Amino acid sequence: MVNLRGKHIYLRALEPKDLEFLYRLENDTSIWEISGTLKPYSKKVLQLYLENAHRDIYEVKQLRLCICSLDDECVGLIDLFDFDPKNGRAGMGLVIASAKNRGKGMGAEAISLMCDYAFSVLNLHQIYANILEDNTASVHLFQKLGFEKVGIKREWVRTSAGFKNEILFQKINSNVS
């Protein structure tokens, strides 16, 4: 049985009460570079998204969960995307919304819990992550958790400062054939 509760955080499905959190996070221009966002989201669009968030990962090919502190504060989001059950893989994305909550192990715990879920429940063979080369905190975090750097996509992401390289990381579950 997979537990989505760690020592300091737990993962849960999105709920209607998360609208304000999503609105602040999705419209935070400081993270648009890592999320690929190009324009603000309205509350109406996010409300429609929340109304459909219950749909099955096999249908929509993605899963987004809230990262919550043990006192029930939503501190971030973790995603599986590009879910490919035939080839047993998915991408992973993570954001801890507030700088005050970063560097406290919440992201590491969320990644570990999501990997356990993906490997044991979804029976994935691998998870990959795309991380901007200058995002040294995320690079270190994913490497610490057993993700291996397998390539660099040169000048992959256009930013206001110019093009940036993106590193491709993979974590392979050797228990799945």
Protein backbone atom coordinates (compact mmCIF):
# COMPACT_ATOMS: atom_id res chain seq x y z
CA MET A 1 0.00 0.00 0.00
CA VAL A 2 1.35 3.40 -0.97
CA ASN A 3 1.17 6.15 1.57
CA LEU A 4 0.94 9.72 0.31
CA ARG A 5 1.86 11.05 3.77
CA GLY A 6 5.43 11.77 4.79
CA LYS A 7 7.02 13.09 7.97
CA HIS A 8 6.41 16.76 7.12
CA ILE A 9 3.95 16.85 4.20
CA TYR A 10 1.22 14.88 2.50
CA LEU A 11 -0.08 14.81 -1.07
CA ARG A 12 -3.76 15.17 -1.86
CA ALA A 13 -6.06 15.73 -4.82
CA LEU A 14 -7.00 19.25 -5.83
CA GLU A 15 -10.18 20.56 -4.21
CA PRO A 16 -12.47 23.53 -4.90
CA LYS A 17 -10.94 25.37 -1.92
CA ASP A 18 -7.61 25.48 -3.82
CA LEU A 19 -8.86 28.10 -6.31
CA GLU A 20 -7.18 31.09 -4.61
CA PHE A 21 -3.90 29.17 -4.19
CA LEU A 22 -3.91 28.13 -7.86
CA TYR A 23 -4.78 31.66 -8.95
CA ARG A 24 -1.81 33.13 -7.04
CA LEU A 25 0.58 30.40 -8.17
CA GLU A 26 -0.36 30.30 -11.86
CA ASN A 27 -0.18 34.09 -12.08
CA ASP A 28 3.17 34.39 -10.29
CA THR A 29 5.35 35.66 -13.15
CA SER A 30 8.53 34.71 -11.26
CA ILE A 31 7.85 31.02 -12.00
CA TRP A 32 6.55 31.35 -15.56
CA GLU A 33 10.02 30.55 -16.87
CA ILE A 34 9.95 27.06 -15.34
CA SER A 35 6.28 26.39 -16.01
CA GLY A 36 6.19 27.52 -19.62
CA THR A 37 3.32 29.90 -18.85
CA LEU A 38 2.90 32.77 -21.32
CA LYS A 39 -0.16 34.60 -20.02
CA PRO A 40 -2.20 35.06 -16.85
CA TYR A 41 -5.02 32.67 -15.96
CA SER A 42 -8.46 33.88 -14.97
CA LYS A 43 -10.28 32.50 -11.95
CA LYS A 44 -12.97 31.23 -14.31
CA VAL A 45 -10.47 29.14 -16.31
CA LEU A 46 -8.93 27.78 -13.10
CA GLN A 47 -12.38 26.98 -11.71
CA LEU A 48 -13.12 24.92 -14.85
CA TYR A 49 -9.77 23.18 -14.42
CA LEU A 50 -10.63 22.32 -10.80
CA GLU A 51 -14.02 20.96 -11.88
CA ASN A 52 -12.20 18.51 -14.18
CA ALA A 53 -9.22 17.72 -11.93
CA HIS A 54 -10.88 14.47 -10.78
CA ARG A 55 -10.50 12.91 -14.23
CA ASP A 56 -8.42 9.74 -14.42
CA ILE A 57 -4.70 9.89 -15.30
CA TYR A 58 -5.28 7.25 -17.99
CA GLU A 59 -7.76 9.59 -19.67
CA VAL A 60 -6.06 12.99 -19.35
CA LYS A 61 -2.43 11.76 -19.18
CA GLN A 62 -1.59 13.91 -16.18
CA LEU A 63 -2.00 14.04 -12.42
CA ARG A 64 -1.59 17.13 -10.26
CA LEU A 65 -1.53 16.86 -6.47
CA CYS A 66 -1.29 19.49 -3.75
CA ILE A 67 1.68 19.36 -1.43
CA CYS A 68 0.30 20.15 2.03
CA SER A 69 2.03 20.73 5.34
CA LEU A 70 0.78 18.58 8.21
CA ASP A 71 -1.21 21.60 9.44
CA ASP A 72 -3.13 21.50 6.11
CA GLU A 73 -1.51 24.50 4.40
CA CYS A 74 -1.13 23.98 0.65
CA VAL A 75 2.54 24.81 0.01
CA GLY A 76 3.01 23.63 -3.56
CA LEU A 77 2.08 21.31 -6.40
CA ILE A 78 3.58 18.17 -7.87
CA ASP A 79 2.63 16.85 -11.28
CA LEU A 80 2.98 13.78 -13.41
CA PHE A 81 2.51 14.76 -17.05
CA ASP A 82 2.92 13.15 -20.48
CA PHE A 83 1.78 9.92 -18.83
CA ASP A 84 2.55 7.07 -21.23
CA PRO A 85 1.30 3.75 -19.79
CA LYS A 86 2.39 1.74 -22.85
CA ASN A 87 6.03 2.73 -22.39
CA GLY A 88 5.76 3.07 -18.61
CA ARG A 89 6.91 6.65 -18.24
CA ALA A 90 5.84 10.13 -17.19
CA GLY A 91 7.38 13.53 -16.63
CA MET A 92 7.46 15.11 -13.19
CA GLY A 93 7.17 18.76 -12.22
CA LEU A 94 7.30 20.39 -8.81
CA VAL A 95 6.83 23.86 -7.38
CA ILE A 96 6.97 25.05 -3.79
CA ALA A 97 5.05 28.32 -3.93
CA SER A 98 6.70 30.45 -1.27
CA ALA A 99 10.43 30.98 -0.81
CA LYS A 100 9.89 30.62 2.96
CA ASN A 101 8.97 26.95 2.44
CA ARG A 102 11.85 26.11 0.09
CA GLY A 103 14.93 24.30 1.35
CA LYS A 104 13.02 22.60 4.17
CA GLY A 105 12.76 19.13 2.61
CA MET A 106 9.14 19.46 1.48
CA GLY A 107 10.04 19.11 -2.19
CA ALA A 108 12.24 16.08 -1.52
CA GLU A 109 9.50 14.39 0.45
CA ALA A 110 6.91 15.16 -2.25
CA ILE A 111 9.14 13.75 -5.00
CA SER A 112 9.83 10.60 -2.97
CA LEU A 113 6.12 10.05 -2.27
CA MET A 114 5.18 10.66 -5.92
CA CYS A 115 7.92 8.30 -7.16
CA ASP A 116 6.68 5.58 -4.79
CA TYR A 117 3.15 6.09 -6.10
CA ALA A 118 4.20 6.16 -9.76
CA PHE A 119 6.39 3.07 -9.50
CA SER A 120 4.16 0.91 -7.31
CA VAL A 121 0.61 1.98 -8.24
CA LEU A 122 0.98 3.13 -11.86
CA ASN A 123 3.72 0.54 -12.48
CA LEU A 124 5.90 3.06 -14.30
CA HIS A 125 9.34 2.06 -15.50
CA GLN A 126 10.73 5.60 -15.44
CA ILE A 127 10.10 9.20 -14.48
CA TYR A 128 11.86 12.10 -16.13
CA ALA A 129 12.30 15.75 -15.22
CA ASN A 130 13.34 18.74 -17.32
CA ILE A 131 15.20 21.33 -15.25
CA LEU A 132 16.78 24.60 -16.36
CA GLU A 133 20.54 24.37 -15.99
CA ASP A 134 20.73 27.49 -13.80
CA ASN A 135 18.11 26.13 -11.35
CA THR A 136 20.86 24.68 -9.17
CA ALA A 137 18.58 23.95 -6.20
CA SER A 138 16.31 21.72 -8.33
CA VAL A 139 19.26 20.10 -10.10
CA HIS A 140 20.77 19.20 -6.72
CA LEU A 141 17.42 18.01 -5.34
CA PHE A 142 16.63 15.62 -8.19
CA GLN A 143 20.20 14.26 -8.24
CA LYS A 144 20.06 13.69 -4.47
CA LEU A 145 16.89 11.64 -4.98
CA GLY A 146 18.44 9.31 -7.54
CA PHE A 147 17.58 11.04 -10.81
CA GLU A 148 20.41 10.72 -13.31
CA LYS A 149 21.45 13.47 -15.70
CA VAL A 150 21.12 11.94 -19.17
CA GLY A 151 21.36 14.93 -21.48
CA ILE A 152 21.33 18.64 -22.08
CA LYS A 153 18.93 20.35 -24.43
CA ARG A 154 21.00 23.33 -25.57
CA GLU A 155 19.34 26.76 -25.80
CA TRP A 156 16.00 25.02 -25.23
CA VAL A 157 14.01 27.64 -23.34
CA ARG A 158 13.69 31.27 -24.45
CA THR A 159 13.66 33.72 -21.55
CA SER A 160 13.80 37.49 -21.28
CA ALA A 161 17.55 37.09 -20.67
CA GLY A 162 18.08 34.88 -23.74
CA PHE A 163 18.07 31.14 -24.32
CA LYS A 164 18.78 28.70 -21.50
CA ASN A 165 19.88 25.09 -21.47
CA GLU A 166 17.57 22.47 -20.00
CA ILE A 167 18.85 19.28 -18.38
CA LEU A 168 17.01 16.00 -18.82
CA PHE A 169 16.99 13.75 -15.75
CA GLN A 170 15.63 10.19 -15.49
CA LYS A 171 14.92 7.86 -12.62
CA ILE A 172 14.48 4.28 -13.74
CA ASN A 173 12.62 1.68 -11.69
CA SER A 174 14.65 -1.48 -12.16
CA ASN A 175 11.84 -3.56 -10.63
CA VAL A 176 9.65 -3.14 -13.74
CA SER A 177 10.46 -5.01 -16.92
